[in-house]
Protein backbone atom coordinates (compact mmCIF):
# COMPACT_ATOMS: atom_id res chain seq x y z
CA MET A 1 -24.86 16.88 35.45
CA LEU A 2 -22.34 17.14 31.87
CA SER A 3 -23.01 13.51 31.64
CA ALA A 4 -26.85 14.59 30.76
CA ALA A 5 -25.21 17.42 28.62
CA GLY A 6 -24.27 14.27 26.12
CA TRP A 7 -20.15 14.37 27.86
CA VAL A 8 -18.61 10.88 27.76
CA ILE A 9 -17.48 10.14 32.04
CA GLN A 10 -13.93 8.43 31.91
CA ASP A 11 -11.26 7.85 34.78
CA PHE A 12 -7.70 8.34 33.80
CA LYS A 13 -6.41 5.33 34.35
CA ALA A 14 -8.47 4.05 31.75
CA VAL A 15 -9.39 6.92 29.45
CA ASN A 16 -10.57 6.97 25.74
CA LEU A 17 -10.05 10.25 24.29
CA HIS A 18 -11.72 9.40 21.21
CA ALA A 19 -15.12 8.07 22.97
CA GLY A 20 -16.90 11.71 22.31
CA THR A 21 -16.11 14.61 21.34
CA GLY A 22 -16.65 15.69 24.94
CA VAL A 23 -14.54 14.24 27.71
CA GLU A 24 -15.08 14.13 31.38
CA VAL A 25 -12.11 12.91 33.15
CA ARG A 26 -12.06 11.96 36.59
CA GLU A 27 -9.44 12.05 38.91
CA LEU A 28 -7.22 12.84 36.47
CA VAL A 29 -3.15 13.95 38.13
CA THR A 30 -1.21 17.25 37.51
CA SER A 31 1.28 19.06 40.20
CA ALA A 32 -1.08 20.01 42.18
CA GLY A 33 -2.90 16.66 42.92
CA PRO A 34 -6.06 14.89 41.69
CA ALA A 35 -8.40 17.02 39.28
CA ASP A 36 -11.41 16.77 40.07
CA TYR A 37 -12.33 16.79 36.87
CA VAL A 38 -10.61 17.73 32.69
CA LEU A 39 -12.82 18.02 30.53
CA LEU A 40 -11.53 18.26 26.92
CA VAL A 41 -13.62 18.76 23.70
CA ASN A 42 -11.64 17.21 20.30
CA ARG A 43 -9.46 15.46 22.61
CA GLN A 44 -8.14 19.43 24.04
CA ALA A 45 -8.61 20.23 27.45
CA VAL A 46 -10.52 22.34 28.04
CA GLY A 47 -12.25 23.38 31.81
CA ALA A 48 -11.61 22.31 35.13
CA ILE A 49 -14.17 20.92 37.68
CA GLU A 50 -13.79 20.81 41.75
CA ALA A 51 -16.46 18.84 43.26
CA LYS A 52 -17.97 19.20 46.40
CA LYS A 53 -20.06 17.87 48.90
CA GLN A 54 -23.47 19.26 48.97
CA GLY A 55 -23.59 21.69 51.44
CA THR A 56 -20.61 23.21 50.60
CA THR A 57 -19.76 26.09 50.96
CA LEU A 58 -18.17 27.29 47.02
CA SER A 59 -17.19 30.90 48.27
CA GLY A 60 -13.25 30.35 48.84
CA VAL A 61 -12.31 27.17 47.26
CA GLU A 62 -11.74 28.41 43.84
CA TRP A 63 -8.37 28.34 44.41
CA GLN A 64 -7.78 24.82 44.55
CA THR A 65 -9.78 24.81 40.61
CA VAL A 66 -7.37 28.02 39.36
CA LYS A 67 -4.23 25.18 40.56
CA CYS A 68 -5.43 21.93 38.71
CA GLN A 69 -6.01 24.75 35.92
CA ARG A 70 -2.47 25.92 36.23
CA ASP A 71 -1.00 22.31 36.77
CA LEU A 72 -1.54 19.97 33.69
CA PRO A 73 1.00 16.90 33.23
CA ASP A 74 2.93 17.80 29.23
CA ALA A 75 1.36 14.34 27.74
CA VAL A 76 -1.96 16.60 28.48
CA THR A 77 -2.49 18.85 25.12
CA ALA A 78 -4.76 22.35 25.94
CA VAL A 79 -6.15 25.49 24.72
CA LEU A 80 -4.91 27.90 27.75
CA VAL A 81 -5.40 31.00 27.85
CA ASP A 82 -2.80 33.03 30.11
CA GLY A 83 -1.70 30.12 31.64
CA ARG A 84 -4.69 27.64 32.66
CA LEU A 85 -7.49 26.22 30.68
CA SER A 86 -9.73 28.46 29.62
CA TYR A 87 -12.88 27.41 31.86
CA GLY A 88 -12.39 26.39 36.20
CA HIS A 89 -15.57 25.23 37.95
CA GLU A 90 -16.85 24.36 41.26
CA SER A 91 -19.92 22.31 41.92
CA THR A 92 -21.66 21.01 44.77
CA GLY A 93 -23.98 18.41 42.66
CA ASP A 94 -26.90 20.99 44.16
CA GLU A 95 -25.05 23.97 43.21
CA THR A 96 -22.10 25.08 40.72
CA TRP A 97 -20.25 28.29 40.59
CA TYR A 98 -17.85 28.97 37.38
CA MET A 99 -15.31 31.73 36.66
CA PRO A 100 -15.71 32.00 32.67
CA ASP A 101 -11.70 32.86 31.91
CA GLY A 102 -11.43 32.31 28.38
CA PRO A 103 -11.52 34.91 25.61
CA GLY A 104 -14.15 38.00 26.26
CA ALA A 105 -14.42 37.09 29.25
CA ASP A 106 -14.84 39.45 32.62
CA GLY A 107 -13.52 36.90 35.43
CA ALA A 108 -17.05 37.70 36.94
CA ALA A 109 -17.88 34.15 39.02
CA GLY A 110 -20.98 33.55 38.95
CA VAL A 111 -23.54 30.91 40.35
CA LEU A 112 -25.90 28.33 38.01
CA VAL A 113 -28.62 26.46 39.51
CA PRO A 114 -30.53 23.78 37.84
CA SER A 115 -34.01 23.99 37.77
CA ALA A 116 -35.76 20.47 39.41
């Protein structure tokens, strides 16, 4: 979904943060375990995505996303709000929950279902 929107997908073992303005890093190692995806804009981490298998209920997995939002390695430059990345998402590919925690957001979770 993000590659269709122009994000460059990279594996953390061979990441090139200069590959594009928006880089999505798979399996970035954090102190909470590997983050499924960390989103970087201009080489700064801004969000995390917790990926789940299709059919998985997304309500209740937010805690996993929050752990990855908070436990980034010190070597990663990040835009933090209240000690964590501004944006967190959970997705099955069919359904995406987002937690808008950025400045001015009300923190209410919502659901995005892409149109076919």
